[in-house]
Amino acid sequence: MVRLEHIGIAVKDLEASNELFEQLLGTPAYKIEEVASEHVKTSFFKTGESKIELLEATTPESAIAKYLDKRGEGIHHIAFEVEDIHAEMARMRAQGYQLLNEQPKRGADNKLVCFIHPKSANGVLVELCQTVE
């Protein structure tokens, strides 16, 4: 089963964006965390069955910093929760999707993650994620 897990939004200022989304959604972020390996600081908001993830670059070399330079703030990716990320990655490869990771890696919010190249998904960066305990 695949379900929408979260929508990732690239932001320049996480603190200001947290305030904006807290007002918009009527609830504070339930988690703020830095993912050093990806050079990002993230915050998560619950909205119904799904989440919103705000991503701020912590270094100019991060993928989020490059995204912001090129496109500005906005939707960065859509993430889908999968039960077995290794099986989904194999299925995606077999169907011709270009994956950006050879193996899943640790992401924010207790997830293993893998990204599908936007060229394989109508210009949308897709994240597959699996919760790990």
C-alpha atoms as a PDB file:
ATOM      1  CA  MET A   1       0.000   0.000   0.000  1.00  0.00           C
ATOM      2  CA  VAL A   2       1.258   3.476  -0.884  1.00  0.00           C
ATOM      3  CA  ARG A   3      -0.156   6.600   0.771  1.00  0.00           C
ATOM      4  CA  LEU A   4       0.667  10.300   0.743  1.00  0.00           C
ATOM      5  CA  GLU A   5       2.996  10.796   3.715  1.00  0.00           C
ATOM      6  CA  HIS A   6       3.963  14.449   3.370  1.00  0.00           C
ATOM      7  CA  ILE A   7       4.547  17.392   1.076  1.00  0.00           C
ATOM      8  CA  GLY A   8       7.998  18.958   1.401  1.00  0.00           C
ATOM      9  CA  ILE A   9       8.249  22.739   1.078  1.00  0.00           C
ATOM     10  CA  ALA A  10      11.588  24.529   0.671  1.00  0.00           C
ATOM     11  CA  VAL A  11      11.795  27.699   2.779  1.00  0.00           C
ATOM     12  CA  LYS A  12      14.425  30.374   3.316  1.00  0.00           C
ATOM     13  CA  ASP A  13      13.634  31.009   6.989  1.00  0.00           C
ATOM     14  CA  LEU A  14      12.354  28.040   8.987  1.00  0.00           C
ATOM     15  CA  GLU A  15      11.434  30.068  12.068  1.00  0.00           C
ATOM     16  CA  ALA A  16       9.324  32.572  10.107  1.00  0.00           C
ATOM     17  CA  SER A  17       7.779  29.779   8.028  1.00  0.00           C
ATOM     18  CA  ASN A  18       6.917  27.818  11.174  1.00  0.00           C
ATOM     19  CA  GLU A  19       4.967  30.836  12.425  1.00  0.00           C
ATOM     20  CA  LEU A  20       3.183  31.200   9.100  1.00  0.00           C
ATOM     21  CA  PHE A  21       2.194  27.517   8.903  1.00  0.00           C
ATOM     22  CA  GLU A  22       1.197  27.442  12.582  1.00  0.00           C
ATOM     23  CA  GLN A  23      -1.266  30.246  11.829  1.00  0.00           C
ATOM     24  CA  LEU A  24      -2.382  28.656   8.568  1.00  0.00           C
ATOM     25  CA  LEU A  25      -2.965  25.184  10.029  1.00  0.00           C
ATOM     26  CA  GLY A  26      -3.948  26.223  13.546  1.00  0.00           C
ATOM     27  CA  THR A  27      -1.394  23.916  15.158  1.00  0.00           C
ATOM     28  CA  PRO A  28       2.316  24.140  16.011  1.00  0.00           C
ATOM     29  CA  ALA A  29       5.011  22.008  14.427  1.00  0.00           C
ATOM     30  CA  TYR A  30       5.169  18.691  16.249  1.00  0.00           C
ATOM     31  CA  LYS A  31       8.829  18.128  15.448  1.00  0.00           C
ATOM     32  CA  ILE A  32      11.869  20.220  14.480  1.00  0.00           C
ATOM     33  CA  GLU A  33      14.992  18.330  13.546  1.00  0.00           C
ATOM     34  CA  GLU A  34      18.283  18.780  11.745  1.00  0.00           C
ATOM     35  CA  VAL A  35      19.410  16.163   9.233  1.00  0.00           C
ATOM     36  CA  ALA A  36      23.146  16.850   9.145  1.00  0.00           C
ATOM     37  CA  SER A  37      23.821  14.408   6.293  1.00  0.00           C
ATOM     38  CA  GLU A  38      21.435  16.365   4.029  1.00  0.00           C
ATOM     39  CA  HIS A  39      22.411  19.816   5.356  1.00  0.00           C
ATOM     40  CA  VAL A  40      18.823  20.717   6.232  1.00  0.00           C
ATOM     41  CA  LYS A  41      16.750  21.672   9.225  1.00  0.00           C
ATOM     42  CA  THR A  42      13.158  20.482   9.045  1.00  0.00           C
ATOM     43  CA  SER A  43       9.882  20.944  10.842  1.00  0.00           C
ATOM     44  CA  PHE A  44       6.737  18.859  10.555  1.00  0.00           C
ATOM     45  CA  PHE A  45       3.069  19.766  10.828  1.00  0.00           C
ATOM     46  CA  LYS A  46       0.227  17.234  10.895  1.00  0.00           C
ATOM     47  CA  THR A  47      -2.720  17.940   8.655  1.00  0.00           C
ATOM     48  CA  GLY A  48      -5.307  15.169   8.639  1.00  0.00           C
ATOM     49  CA  GLU A  49      -3.687  11.866   7.661  1.00  0.00           C
ATOM     50  CA  SER A  50      -0.700  13.597   6.052  1.00  0.00           C
ATOM     51  CA  LYS A  51       2.027  16.047   7.001  1.00  0.00           C
ATOM     52  CA  ILE A  52       3.735  19.177   5.767  1.00  0.00           C
ATOM     53  CA  GLU A  53       7.541  19.223   6.008  1.00  0.00           C
ATOM     54  CA  LEU A  54       9.321  22.569   5.862  1.00  0.00           C
ATOM     55  CA  LEU A  55      12.985  22.386   4.815  1.00  0.00           C
ATOM     56  CA  GLU A  56      15.630  25.060   5.400  1.00  0.00           C
ATOM     57  CA  ALA A  57      19.207  24.728   4.110  1.00  0.00           C
ATOM     58  CA  THR A  58      21.944  24.717   6.739  1.00  0.00           C
ATOM     59  CA  THR A  59      24.785  25.127   4.212  1.00  0.00           C
ATOM     60  CA  PRO A  60      25.025  26.758   0.773  1.00  0.00           C
ATOM     61  CA  GLU A  61      25.979  23.340  -0.687  1.00  0.00           C
ATOM     62  CA  SER A  62      22.745  21.612   0.322  1.00  0.00           C
ATOM     63  CA  ALA A  63      20.214  20.494  -2.257  1.00  0.00           C
ATOM     64  CA  ILE A  64      17.640  22.804  -0.634  1.00  0.00           C
ATOM     65  CA  ALA A  65      19.934  25.846  -0.969  1.00  0.00           C
ATOM     66  CA  LYS A  66      20.453  25.047  -4.647  1.00  0.00           C
ATOM     67  CA  TYR A  67      16.691  24.546  -5.122  1.00  0.00           C
ATOM     68  CA  LEU A  68      15.940  27.905  -3.474  1.00  0.00           C
ATOM     69  CA  ASP A  69      18.545  29.664  -5.642  1.00  0.00           C
ATOM     70  CA  LYS A  70      17.055  28.184  -8.795  1.00  0.00           C
ATOM     71  CA  ARG A  71      13.296  28.186  -8.057  1.00  0.00           C
ATOM     72  CA  GLY A  72      12.666  30.093  -4.835  1.00  0.00           C
ATOM     73  CA  GLU A  73      10.438  28.946  -2.003  1.00  0.00           C
ATOM     74  CA  GLY A  74       7.710  26.415  -2.691  1.00  0.00           C
ATOM     75  CA  ILE A  75       6.844  22.762  -3.032  1.00  0.00           C
ATOM     76  CA  HIS A  76      10.054  20.747  -3.233  1.00  0.00           C
ATOM     77  CA  HIS A  77       8.795  17.138  -3.180  1.00  0.00           C
ATOM     78  CA  ILE A  78       5.893  14.811  -2.529  1.00  0.00           C
ATOM     79  CA  ALA A  79       6.526  11.825  -0.267  1.00  0.00           C
ATOM     80  CA  PHE A  80       4.733   8.495  -0.265  1.00  0.00           C
ATOM     81  CA  GLU A  81       4.871   6.045   2.639  1.00  0.00           C
ATOM     82  CA  VAL A  82       5.659   2.475   1.580  1.00  0.00           C
ATOM     83  CA  GLU A  83       5.749  -0.708   3.636  1.00  0.00           C
ATOM     84  CA  ASP A  84       8.995  -2.072   2.146  1.00  0.00           C
ATOM     85  CA  ILE A  85      11.242   0.575   0.638  1.00  0.00           C
ATOM     86  CA  HIS A  86      13.682  -1.983  -0.808  1.00  0.00           C
ATOM     87  CA  ALA A  87      10.867  -3.768  -2.666  1.00  0.00           C
ATOM     88  CA  GLU A  88       9.440  -0.454  -3.918  1.00  0.00           C
ATOM     89  CA  MET A  89      12.859   0.667  -5.132  1.00  0.00           C
ATOM     90  CA  ALA A  90      13.274  -2.604  -7.043  1.00  0.00           C
ATOM     91  CA  ARG A  91       9.772  -2.224  -8.504  1.00  0.00           C
ATOM     92  CA  MET A  92      10.472   1.365  -9.573  1.00  0.00           C
ATOM     93  CA  ARG A  93      13.802   0.408 -11.192  1.00  0.00           C
ATOM     94  CA  ALA A  94      12.130  -2.487 -13.044  1.00  0.00           C
ATOM     95  CA  GLN A  95       9.523  -0.069 -14.410  1.00  0.00           C
ATOM     96  CA  GLY A  96      12.223   2.278 -15.704  1.00  0.00           C
ATOM     97  CA  TYR A  97      12.173   5.010 -13.055  1.00  0.00           C
ATOM     98  CA  GLN A  98      15.457   6.774 -12.379  1.00  0.00           C
ATOM     99  CA  LEU A  99      16.260   6.644  -8.659  1.00  0.00           C
ATOM    100  CA  LEU A 100      18.556   9.214  -7.082  1.00  0.00           C
ATOM    101  CA  ASN A 101      19.760   6.744  -4.434  1.00  0.00           C
ATOM    102  CA  GLU A 102      21.165   3.256  -4.894  1.00  0.00           C
ATOM    103  CA  GLN A 103      20.175   2.386  -1.330  1.00  0.00           C
ATOM    104  CA  PRO A 104      17.698   4.033   1.027  1.00  0.00           C
ATOM    105  CA  LYS A 105      19.197   6.508   3.475  1.00  0.00           C
ATOM    106  CA  ARG A 106      18.183   7.932   6.835  1.00  0.00           C
ATOM    107  CA  GLY A 107      15.888  10.928   6.551  1.00  0.00           C
ATOM    108  CA  ALA A 108      13.944  13.068   8.977  1.00  0.00           C
ATOM    109  CA  ASP A 109      11.075  11.880  11.167  1.00  0.00           C
ATOM    110  CA  ASN A 110      12.390   8.304  11.666  1.00  0.00           C
ATOM    111  CA  LYS A 111      12.270   7.403   7.979  1.00  0.00           C
ATOM    112  CA  LEU A 112      14.347   5.531   5.441  1.00  0.00           C
ATOM    113  CA  VAL A 113      14.087   7.512   2.208  1.00  0.00           C
ATOM    114  CA  CYS A 114      14.790   7.274  -1.498  1.00  0.00           C
ATOM    115  CA  PHE A 115      14.077   9.838  -4.202  1.00  0.00           C
ATOM    116  CA  ILE A 116      12.818   9.349  -7.747  1.00  0.00           C
ATOM    117  CA  HIS A 117      14.289  11.795 -10.268  1.00  0.00           C
ATOM    118  CA  PRO A 118      11.796  14.430 -11.449  1.00  0.00           C
ATOM    119  CA  LYS A 119      12.549  13.479 -15.079  1.00  0.00           C
ATOM    120  CA  SER A 120      10.915  10.118 -14.330  1.00  0.00           C
ATOM    121  CA  ALA A 121       7.811  11.611 -12.690  1.00  0.00           C
ATOM    122  CA  ASN A 122       6.497  14.478 -14.835  1.00  0.00           C
ATOM    123  CA  GLY A 123       8.816  17.021 -13.241  1.00  0.00           C
ATOM    124  CA  VAL A 124       7.946  16.110  -9.632  1.00  0.00           C
ATOM    125  CA  LEU A 125      10.605  15.035  -7.147  1.00  0.00           C
ATOM    126  CA  VAL A 126       9.047  11.984  -5.471  1.00  0.00           C
ATOM    127  CA  GLU A 127      10.239  10.617  -2.148  1.00  0.00           C
ATOM    128  CA  LEU A 128       9.551   7.063  -1.051  1.00  0.00           C
ATOM    129  CA  CYS A 129       9.737   6.671   2.702  1.00  0.00           C
ATOM    130  CA  GLN A 130       9.421   3.872   5.222  1.00  0.00           C
ATOM    131  CA  THR A 131       9.067   4.367   8.970  1.00  0.00           C
ATOM    132  CA  VAL A 132      11.797   2.718  11.034  1.00  0.00           C
ATOM    133  CA  GLU A 133      11.580   2.142  14.745  1.00  0.00           C
END
